[in-house]
Amino acid sequence: MDPRTTDRTRKARLIRGGSAEPTGVAWLDEEGEDVADARVFRSRLLRRVLGVRVHAPAGDGDLVLVSTRRSRVLATPVPYETDTGPVVLGAEPLGPNTHVLSWRRPAGSWHAFAVLRLDGARDAEPLPFDPVRRQVPGLRRYPTGRLREAVLTR
């Protein structure tokens, strides 16, 4: 990602309504509310990037969702591994300060599970996000060799 940003990190709230279809990941499946830090910015290749650091009871984790020039929906560039199979996370903007978060299987339909609301408070410096080292509990990064198999065989 381009380190130059167009926005500062903002305080946010993540209101989780849970998922009607279980994923095996409590953070996606269960209701709850989490404090978060978020930053929306642009990079050279991508239209928009949304970085979110979730401060959940089970631990902190980072999400990075991106959109191409042709898409309004932001999504994780690769699926996460769960006990029930791969999931892709997505965020659709409802306005400048609100996003609906959803998940889907690689070839499936979207299932909304949360609303992310950004407030006006901004930190002085952009927060770096690292979804590889700081994973949301229950969402695992696929080992490189298994990623292709998981996406193509489901």
Protein backbone atom coordinates (compact mmCIF):
# COMPACT_ATOMS: atom_id res chain seq x y z
CA MET A 1 0.00 0.00 0.00
CA ASP A 2 1.04 3.53 -0.64
CA PRO A 3 2.17 5.03 2.67
CA ARG A 4 0.76 8.44 1.72
CA THR A 5 -2.76 8.75 3.02
CA THR A 6 -5.67 11.08 2.43
CA ASP A 7 -7.20 10.62 5.88
CA ARG A 8 -6.08 10.21 9.47
CA THR A 9 -6.97 7.35 11.77
CA ARG A 10 -10.39 7.82 13.34
CA LYS A 11 -12.06 6.33 16.37
CA ALA A 12 -14.93 3.99 15.45
CA ARG A 13 -17.56 1.65 16.84
CA LEU A 14 -18.36 -1.72 15.36
CA ILE A 15 -21.91 -2.85 16.12
CA ARG A 16 -22.23 -6.57 15.36
CA GLY A 17 -25.68 -8.00 14.74
CA GLY A 18 -24.37 -11.50 14.16
CA SER A 19 -24.86 -13.74 11.16
CA ALA A 20 -27.96 -15.76 10.27
CA GLU A 21 -25.69 -18.35 8.64
CA PRO A 22 -22.96 -19.56 11.02
CA THR A 23 -19.31 -19.33 10.02
CA GLY A 24 -17.79 -20.86 13.13
CA VAL A 25 -16.17 -17.50 13.95
CA ALA A 26 -17.71 -15.96 17.07
CA TRP A 27 -16.77 -12.43 15.97
CA LEU A 28 -18.85 -12.85 12.78
CA ASP A 29 -21.64 -15.01 14.22
CA GLU A 30 -22.44 -13.32 17.53
CA GLU A 31 -23.91 -9.97 18.48
CA GLY A 32 -21.67 -7.47 20.22
CA GLU A 33 -20.07 -4.07 20.10
CA ASP A 34 -16.37 -3.35 19.69
CA VAL A 35 -14.24 -0.25 19.85
CA ALA A 36 -12.11 0.19 16.72
CA ASP A 37 -9.69 2.51 14.95
CA ALA A 38 -10.27 3.02 11.24
CA ARG A 39 -8.69 4.82 8.33
CA VAL A 40 -10.05 5.26 4.80
CA PHE A 41 -7.46 6.25 2.23
CA ARG A 42 -6.42 5.89 -1.39
CA SER A 43 -3.41 4.20 -2.90
CA ARG A 44 -1.86 4.39 -6.35
CA LEU A 45 -3.51 1.18 -7.60
CA LEU A 46 -6.70 1.01 -5.58
CA ARG A 47 -9.62 3.39 -5.47
CA ARG A 48 -10.15 3.06 -1.72
CA VAL A 49 -8.59 1.22 1.19
CA LEU A 50 -10.27 0.76 4.56
CA GLY A 51 -8.05 -0.28 7.45
CA VAL A 52 -9.75 -1.29 10.69
CA ARG A 53 -8.16 -2.27 14.01
CA VAL A 54 -10.80 -4.05 16.07
CA HIS A 55 -10.44 -4.05 19.86
CA ALA A 56 -12.60 -7.11 20.61
CA PRO A 57 -12.91 -8.92 23.96
CA ALA A 58 -11.02 -11.92 22.52
CA GLY A 59 -8.15 -9.70 21.32
CA ASP A 60 -7.16 -7.03 18.83
CA GLY A 61 -7.04 -7.67 15.10
CA ASP A 62 -6.54 -5.74 11.88
CA LEU A 63 -8.61 -5.88 8.71
CA VAL A 64 -7.63 -4.32 5.39
CA LEU A 65 -10.35 -4.08 2.75
CA VAL A 66 -9.77 -2.67 -0.72
CA SER A 67 -11.77 -1.67 -3.78
CA THR A 68 -10.69 -1.48 -7.37
CA ARG A 69 -11.57 1.38 -9.66
CA ARG A 70 -14.70 -0.52 -10.81
CA SER A 71 -16.19 -1.51 -7.46
CA ARG A 72 -17.94 0.43 -4.71
CA VAL A 73 -17.67 -2.51 -2.28
CA LEU A 74 -14.39 -2.97 -0.43
CA ALA A 75 -13.25 -6.54 0.29
CA THR A 76 -10.36 -8.44 1.76
CA PRO A 77 -7.93 -9.23 -1.09
CA VAL A 78 -7.69 -12.90 -0.07
CA PRO A 79 -10.10 -15.07 1.94
CA TYR A 80 -9.58 -15.99 5.55
CA GLU A 81 -9.49 -19.59 6.74
CA THR A 82 -12.18 -20.62 9.24
CA ASP A 83 -13.26 -23.97 10.67
CA THR A 84 -16.16 -24.02 8.16
CA GLY A 85 -14.18 -22.94 5.08
CA PRO A 86 -12.88 -19.76 3.47
CA VAL A 87 -14.62 -16.41 3.98
CA VAL A 88 -14.10 -13.04 2.33
CA LEU A 89 -14.98 -9.91 4.31
CA GLY A 90 -16.54 -6.88 2.66
CA ALA A 91 -17.57 -3.33 3.52
CA GLU A 92 -20.11 -1.26 1.64
CA PRO A 93 -20.17 2.47 2.37
CA LEU A 94 -23.56 3.87 3.38
CA GLY A 95 -22.15 7.37 3.74
CA PRO A 96 -18.85 9.05 4.56
CA ASN A 97 -18.84 7.72 8.15
CA THR A 98 -20.77 4.42 7.96
CA HIS A 99 -20.01 1.04 6.39
CA VAL A 100 -21.98 -2.22 6.46
CA LEU A 101 -19.64 -5.17 7.03
CA SER A 102 -20.49 -8.51 5.43
CA TRP A 103 -18.91 -11.88 4.76
CA ARG A 104 -19.27 -14.41 1.95
CA ARG A 105 -17.81 -17.66 0.72
CA PRO A 106 -15.59 -17.18 -2.36
CA ALA A 107 -18.45 -18.04 -4.73
CA GLY A 108 -21.36 -17.14 -2.44
CA SER A 109 -23.60 -14.21 -1.58
CA TRP A 110 -22.93 -11.52 1.02
CA HIS A 111 -24.22 -11.87 4.62
CA ALA A 112 -24.27 -8.63 6.66
CA PHE A 113 -22.99 -8.99 10.23
CA ALA A 114 -22.03 -5.50 11.45
CA VAL A 115 -22.10 -1.74 11.00
CA LEU A 116 -18.90 0.30 11.33
CA ARG A 117 -19.45 3.91 12.43
CA LEU A 118 -16.55 6.36 12.32
CA ASP A 119 -16.66 9.37 14.61
CA GLY A 120 -14.99 12.73 14.17
CA ALA A 121 -12.04 12.20 16.51
CA ARG A 122 -8.81 11.80 14.60
CA ASP A 123 -5.36 10.76 15.75
CA ALA A 124 -2.38 12.89 14.78
CA GLU A 125 -0.66 10.10 12.86
CA PRO A 126 -1.99 7.41 10.50
CA LEU A 127 -2.15 4.00 12.15
CA PRO A 128 -0.39 1.20 10.24
CA PHE A 129 -2.50 -1.93 9.74
CA ASP A 130 -1.04 -5.45 9.51
CA PRO A 131 -3.69 -8.14 9.00
CA VAL A 132 -1.00 -10.84 8.71
CA ARG A 133 0.59 -10.29 12.12
CA ARG A 134 -2.52 -9.03 13.90
CA GLN A 135 -5.45 -11.29 12.99
CA VAL A 136 -9.00 -10.95 14.29
CA PRO A 137 -9.57 -13.94 16.61
CA GLY A 138 -11.14 -16.82 14.66
CA LEU A 139 -9.99 -15.54 11.23
CA ARG A 140 -6.78 -17.21 10.09
CA ARG A 141 -4.51 -16.43 7.18
CA TYR A 142 -4.20 -19.36 4.81
CA PRO A 143 -0.74 -20.88 4.46
CA THR A 144 0.39 -19.83 1.00
CA GLY A 145 0.35 -23.33 -0.46
CA ARG A 146 -3.24 -24.01 0.65
CA LEU A 147 -4.79 -20.71 -0.46
CA ARG A 148 -5.24 -21.67 -4.11
CA GLU A 149 -6.75 -25.03 -3.19
CA ALA A 150 -9.21 -23.48 -0.72
CA VAL A 151 -10.50 -20.91 -3.19
CA LEU A 152 -10.70 -23.11 -6.27
CA THR A 153 -12.24 -26.21 -4.68
CA ARG A 154 -15.19 -24.60 -2.87
